[in-house]
C-alpha atoms as a PDB file:
ATOM      1  CA  MET A   1     136.260  97.348  -6.123  1.00  0.00           C
ATOM      2  CA  LYS A   2     139.066  95.049  -4.885  1.00  0.00           C
ATOM      3  CA  GLU A   3     139.289  92.396  -2.312  1.00  0.00           C
ATOM      4  CA  LEU A   4     142.047  91.965  -0.214  1.00  0.00           C
ATOM      5  CA  GLU A   5     142.587  89.728   2.647  1.00  0.00           C
ATOM      6  CA  LEU A   6     141.601  91.542   5.551  1.00  0.00           C
ATOM      7  CA  TYR A   7     139.551  94.121   3.518  1.00  0.00           C
ATOM      8  CA  VAL A   8     137.872  95.312   0.609  1.00  0.00           C
ATOM      9  CA  ALA A   9     139.228  98.450  -1.299  1.00  0.00           C
ATOM     10  CA  PHE A  10     137.364 100.708  -3.507  1.00  0.00           C
ATOM     11  CA  ARG A  11     138.722 103.087  -5.861  1.00  0.00           C
ATOM     12  CA  ARG A  12     138.295 106.127  -4.010  1.00  0.00           C
ATOM     13  CA  ASN A  13     139.526 105.438  -0.214  1.00  0.00           C
ATOM     14  CA  PHE A  14     137.872 107.321   2.042  1.00  0.00           C
ATOM     15  CA  ALA A  15     136.963 105.185   4.860  1.00  0.00           C
ATOM     16  CA  CYS A  16     137.373 101.429   6.563  1.00  0.00           C
ATOM     17  CA  VAL A  17     134.776  99.721   8.751  1.00  0.00           C
ATOM     18  CA  ARG A  18     135.125  97.132  10.760  1.00  0.00           C
ATOM     19  CA  VAL A  19     131.993  94.950  11.375  1.00  0.00           C
ATOM     20  CA  ARG A  20     131.941  93.827  15.134  1.00  0.00           C
ATOM     21  CA  SER A  21     129.349  92.382  17.319  1.00  0.00           C
ATOM     22  CA  LYS A  22     127.930  95.094  19.314  1.00  0.00           C
ATOM     23  CA  ASP A  23     128.872  98.318  16.854  1.00  0.00           C
ATOM     24  CA  LEU A  24     130.723  99.291  13.692  1.00  0.00           C
ATOM     25  CA  GLN A  25     134.498 101.018  13.739  1.00  0.00           C
ATOM     26  CA  VAL A  26     134.912 103.532  11.064  1.00  0.00           C
ATOM     27  CA  TRP A  27     138.009 104.816  10.507  1.00  0.00           C
ATOM     28  CA  ALA A  28     137.570 107.994   8.114  1.00  0.00           C
ATOM     29  CA  LYS A  29     139.784 110.696   6.816  1.00  0.00           C
ATOM     30  CA  ASP A  30     139.832 113.967   9.030  1.00  0.00           C
ATOM     31  CA  PRO A  31     139.418 116.615   6.416  1.00  0.00           C
ATOM     32  CA  ALA A  32     138.527 119.517   9.260  1.00  0.00           C
ATOM     33  CA  PRO A  33     138.856 119.778  12.985  1.00  0.00           C
ATOM     34  CA  ILE A  34     135.869 118.611  14.727  1.00  0.00           C
ATOM     35  CA  SER A  35     134.648 118.145  18.523  1.00  0.00           C
ATOM     36  CA  LEU A  36     135.411 114.921  19.438  1.00  0.00           C
ATOM     37  CA  GLU A  37     132.389 113.304  21.455  1.00  0.00           C
ATOM     38  CA  HIS A  38     133.572 110.598  24.108  1.00  0.00           C
ATOM     39  CA  GLY A  39     132.434 106.900  23.036  1.00  0.00           C
ATOM     40  CA  PHE A  40     131.095 108.131  19.323  1.00  0.00           C
ATOM     41  CA  THR A  41     134.570 110.014  17.967  1.00  0.00           C
ATOM     42  CA  ARG A  42     137.660 109.370  18.584  1.00  0.00           C
ATOM     43  CA  ASP A  43     141.424 111.061  17.263  1.00  0.00           C
ATOM     44  CA  VAL A  44     143.402 108.125  16.201  1.00  0.00           C
ATOM     45  CA  SER A  45     146.325 110.148  14.729  1.00  0.00           C
ATOM     46  CA  GLN A  46     148.651 108.942  17.313  1.00  0.00           C
ATOM     47  CA  ILE A  47     148.086 105.348  17.798  1.00  0.00           C
ATOM     48  CA  GLY A  48     148.468 102.408  15.601  1.00  0.00           C
ATOM     49  CA  HIS A  49     145.724 100.839  13.416  1.00  0.00           C
ATOM     50  CA  HIS A  50     144.605  99.024  10.504  1.00  0.00           C
ATOM     51  CA  GLY A  51     143.255 101.341   7.875  1.00  0.00           C
ATOM     52  CA  THR A  52     142.219 104.862   6.450  1.00  0.00           C
ATOM     53  CA  GLY A  53     142.287 108.128   8.548  1.00  0.00           C
ATOM     54  CA  ASP A  54     142.513 109.572  11.708  1.00  0.00           C
ATOM     55  CA  LEU A  55     139.365 110.030  13.353  1.00  0.00           C
ATOM     56  CA  GLU A  56     137.635 106.893  14.655  1.00  0.00           C
ATOM     57  CA  ILE A  57     133.932 106.786  14.354  1.00  0.00           C
ATOM     58  CA  ARG A  58     131.524 104.143  16.886  1.00  0.00           C
ATOM     59  CA  ILE A  59     128.233 103.425  15.496  1.00  0.00           C
ATOM     60  CA  GLU A  60     125.977 101.139  17.662  1.00  0.00           C
ATOM     61  CA  SER A  61     122.594 102.601  16.270  1.00  0.00           C
ATOM     62  CA  ALA A  62     120.861 104.260  13.735  1.00  0.00           C
ATOM     63  CA  SER A  63     120.737 107.363  15.120  1.00  0.00           C
ATOM     64  CA  ASP A  64     124.589 107.170  15.406  1.00  0.00           C
ATOM     65  CA  LEU A  65     125.089 106.333  11.816  1.00  0.00           C
ATOM     66  CA  GLU A  66     122.925 109.374  10.876  1.00  0.00           C
ATOM     67  CA  ARG A  67     125.060 111.748  12.936  1.00  0.00           C
ATOM     68  CA  ALA A  68     128.196 109.815  11.408  1.00  0.00           C
ATOM     69  CA  TYR A  69     126.467 110.538   7.984  1.00  0.00           C
ATOM     70  CA  PRO A  70     128.246 114.593   7.813  1.00  0.00           C
ATOM     71  CA  LEU A  71     131.623 113.126   9.171  1.00  0.00           C
ATOM     72  CA  LEU A  72     131.695 110.456   6.525  1.00  0.00           C
ATOM     73  CA  LEU A  73     130.298 112.477   3.360  1.00  0.00           C
ATOM     74  CA  ARG A  74     133.300 114.952   4.495  1.00  0.00           C
ATOM     75  CA  SER A  75     135.680 111.872   4.484  1.00  0.00           C
ATOM     76  CA  TYR A  76     134.440 111.269   1.352  1.00  0.00           C
ATOM     77  CA  GLN A  77     134.666 114.475  -0.316  1.00  0.00           C
ATOM     78  CA  GLY A  78     138.147 115.029   0.555  1.00  0.00           C
ATOM     79  CA  ALA A  79     139.349 111.922  -0.816  1.00  0.00           C
END
């Protein structure tokens, strides 16, 4: 683990997380095509953002975290 000015980096870089008051914004690597869900996942490959990956995941609840788990696992395994 390495603490940087804007974020904490880990040896295996598979996702970046921004903690906000209403949700978590997670950017993950997208090793395979997925069906995007409005309000939950978004392709950010053509827009600028800080961090890793081309898939943005918005997590607002525990059930969203459960839905995000397979996407985060794929990102981790592909890193």
